[in-house]
Amino acid sequence: MREELDGLILLSDEAVTVLEKQVAKELPSARAAAADHDGPVPEPLPVTDPRRTAESA
């Protein structure tokens, strides 16, 4: 049982490493695409408190 758990942990560590490498490759291209965008920057959505209801607003 312990060997199986150790194997799963190793697989998880390898998967995280692979994902980190993929994200690192994609970040520069995403930044370049954002820099090439000439349109207006959209306004951020208003932050609302989910505890308030429409009735109490």
N, C-alpha and C. Protein backbone atom coordinates (compact mmCIF):
# COMPACT_ATOMS: atom_id res chain seq x y z
N MET A 1 0.83 -1.19 0.00
CA MET A 1 0.00 0.00 0.00
C MET A 1 0.88 1.25 0.00
N ARG A 2 1.90 1.28 0.82
CA ARG A 2 2.78 2.44 0.91
C ARG A 2 3.46 2.71 -0.44
N GLU A 3 3.88 1.66 -1.13
CA GLU A 3 4.53 1.83 -2.43
C GLU A 3 3.57 2.44 -3.45
N GLU A 4 2.31 2.04 -3.40
CA GLU A 4 1.31 2.59 -4.32
C GLU A 4 1.11 4.08 -4.05
N LEU A 5 1.03 4.47 -2.79
CA LEU A 5 0.88 5.88 -2.44
C LEU A 5 2.10 6.69 -2.88
N ASP A 6 3.29 6.14 -2.66
CA ASP A 6 4.50 6.84 -3.08
C ASP A 6 4.51 7.02 -4.59
N GLY A 7 4.04 6.02 -5.33
CA GLY A 7 3.98 6.11 -6.78
C GLY A 7 3.01 7.19 -7.23
N LEU A 8 1.86 7.28 -6.55
CA LEU A 8 0.88 8.31 -6.90
C LEU A 8 1.42 9.70 -6.60
N ILE A 9 2.14 9.84 -5.51
CA ILE A 9 2.73 11.13 -5.16
C ILE A 9 3.75 11.54 -6.21
N LEU A 10 4.57 10.59 -6.66
CA LEU A 10 5.56 10.89 -7.69
C LEU A 10 4.88 11.32 -8.98
N LEU A 11 3.79 10.64 -9.35
CA LEU A 11 3.06 11.01 -10.55
C LEU A 11 2.49 12.42 -10.42
N SER A 12 1.97 12.74 -9.25
CA SER A 12 1.42 14.07 -9.02
C SER A 12 2.50 15.13 -9.13
N ASP A 13 3.66 14.88 -8.57
CA ASP A 13 4.78 15.83 -8.64
C ASP A 13 5.21 16.05 -10.09
N GLU A 14 5.26 14.96 -10.86
CA GLU A 14 5.64 15.07 -12.27
C GLU A 14 4.59 15.85 -13.05
N ALA A 15 3.33 15.62 -12.75
CA ALA A 15 2.25 16.33 -13.44
C ALA A 15 2.33 17.83 -13.15
N VAL A 16 2.61 18.20 -11.92
CA VAL A 16 2.74 19.61 -11.56
C VAL A 16 3.92 20.23 -12.32
N THR A 17 5.02 19.52 -12.40
CA THR A 17 6.20 20.03 -13.12
C THR A 17 5.88 20.25 -14.59
N VAL A 18 5.18 19.30 -15.21
CA VAL A 18 4.81 19.43 -16.62
C VAL A 18 3.89 20.63 -16.82
N LEU A 19 2.90 20.78 -15.95
CA LEU A 19 1.98 21.91 -16.06
C LEU A 19 2.70 23.25 -15.88
N GLU A 20 3.61 23.31 -14.94
CA GLU A 20 4.38 24.55 -14.73
C GLU A 20 5.17 24.92 -15.97
N LYS A 21 5.76 23.93 -16.63
CA LYS A 21 6.53 24.20 -17.85
C LYS A 21 5.61 24.68 -18.97
N GLN A 22 4.44 24.08 -19.09
CA GLN A 22 3.50 24.50 -20.13
C GLN A 22 3.02 25.93 -19.90
N VAL A 23 2.72 26.26 -18.66
CA VAL A 23 2.27 27.61 -18.34
C VAL A 23 3.39 28.61 -18.61
N ALA A 24 4.61 28.27 -18.25
CA ALA A 24 5.74 29.16 -18.48
C ALA A 24 5.92 29.44 -19.97
N LYS A 25 5.67 28.45 -20.81
CA LYS A 25 5.77 28.65 -22.26
C LYS A 25 4.66 29.55 -22.78
N GLU A 26 3.48 29.42 -22.22
CA GLU A 26 2.32 30.16 -22.71
C GLU A 26 2.28 31.60 -22.21
N LEU A 27 2.88 31.90 -21.10
CA LEU A 27 2.83 33.26 -20.54
C LEU A 27 3.38 34.32 -21.49
N PRO A 28 4.56 34.13 -22.08
CA PRO A 28 5.07 35.18 -22.98
C PRO A 28 4.15 35.43 -24.18
N SER A 29 3.56 34.40 -24.75
CA SER A 29 2.67 34.60 -25.89
C SER A 29 1.38 35.29 -25.47
N ALA A 30 0.91 35.02 -24.27
CA ALA A 30 -0.30 35.69 -23.77
C ALA A 30 -0.01 37.17 -23.52
N ARG A 31 1.15 37.48 -23.00
CA ARG A 31 1.52 38.88 -22.77
C ARG A 31 1.64 39.62 -24.09
N ALA A 32 2.23 38.97 -25.09
CA ALA A 32 2.38 39.61 -26.40
C ALA A 32 1.02 39.86 -27.02
N ALA A 33 0.11 38.92 -26.89
CA ALA A 33 -1.23 39.09 -27.44
C ALA A 33 -1.95 40.24 -26.73
N ALA A 34 -1.76 40.36 -25.44
CA ALA A 34 -2.40 41.45 -24.70
C ALA A 34 -1.80 42.79 -25.10
N ALA A 35 -0.51 42.83 -25.37
CA ALA A 35 0.14 44.07 -25.77
C ALA A 35 -0.31 44.50 -27.15
N ASP A 36 -0.67 43.55 -28.01
CA ASP A 36 -1.10 43.86 -29.37
C ASP A 36 -2.55 44.32 -29.42
N HIS A 37 -3.27 44.20 -28.35
CA HIS A 37 -4.68 44.55 -28.32
C HIS A 37 -4.83 46.07 -28.33
N ASP A 38 -5.50 46.61 -29.35
CA ASP A 38 -5.62 48.06 -29.49
C ASP A 38 -6.95 48.60 -29.00
N GLY A 39 -7.87 47.74 -28.67
CA GLY A 39 -9.20 48.18 -28.26
C GLY A 39 -9.21 48.80 -26.87
N PRO A 40 -10.33 49.37 -26.49
CA PRO A 40 -10.43 49.97 -25.15
C PRO A 40 -10.39 48.91 -24.06
N VAL A 41 -9.86 49.29 -22.94
CA VAL A 41 -9.80 48.39 -21.79
C VAL A 41 -11.15 48.42 -21.11
N PRO A 42 -11.79 47.27 -20.90
CA PRO A 42 -13.11 47.27 -20.27
C PRO A 42 -13.03 47.68 -18.81
N GLU A 43 -14.10 48.29 -18.35
CA GLU A 43 -14.19 48.68 -16.95
C GLU A 43 -14.34 47.43 -16.09
N PRO A 44 -13.74 47.41 -14.90
CA PRO A 44 -13.91 46.24 -14.02
C PRO A 44 -15.35 46.15 -13.53
N LEU A 45 -15.76 44.93 -13.27
CA LEU A 45 -17.11 44.72 -12.74
C LEU A 45 -17.18 45.24 -11.31
N PRO A 46 -18.31 45.80 -10.92
CA PRO A 46 -18.43 46.28 -9.54
C PRO A 46 -18.41 45.11 -8.56
N VAL A 47 -17.81 45.34 -7.44
CA VAL A 47 -17.75 44.32 -6.39
C VAL A 47 -19.00 44.45 -5.54
N THR A 48 -19.70 43.36 -5.39
CA THR A 48 -20.90 43.38 -4.56
C THR A 48 -20.71 42.41 -3.40
N ASP A 49 -21.34 42.75 -2.31
CA ASP A 49 -21.28 41.90 -1.14
C ASP A 49 -22.37 40.84 -1.28
N PRO A 50 -21.99 39.57 -1.38
CA PRO A 50 -23.00 38.52 -1.58
C PRO A 50 -23.94 38.36 -0.39
N ARG A 51 -23.60 38.94 0.75
CA ARG A 51 -24.46 38.83 1.93
C ARG A 51 -25.65 39.78 1.84
N ARG A 52 -25.53 40.80 0.98
CA ARG A 52 -26.63 41.76 0.82
C ARG A 52 -27.59 41.23 -0.23
N THR A 53 -28.83 41.35 0.03
CA THR A 53 -29.83 40.93 -0.96
C THR A 53 -30.36 42.17 -1.68
N ALA A 54 -31.05 41.96 -2.76
CA ALA A 54 -31.62 43.08 -3.51
C ALA A 54 -32.61 43.85 -2.67
N GLU A 55 -33.27 43.16 -1.76
CA GLU A 55 -34.29 43.81 -0.92
C GLU A 55 -33.66 44.76 0.10
N SER A 56 -32.46 44.42 0.60
CA SER A 56 -31.85 45.26 1.63
C SER A 56 -30.99 46.35 1.03
N ALA A 57 -30.79 46.35 -0.28
CA ALA A 57 -29.92 47.34 -0.93
C ALA A 57 -30.61 48.68 -1.07
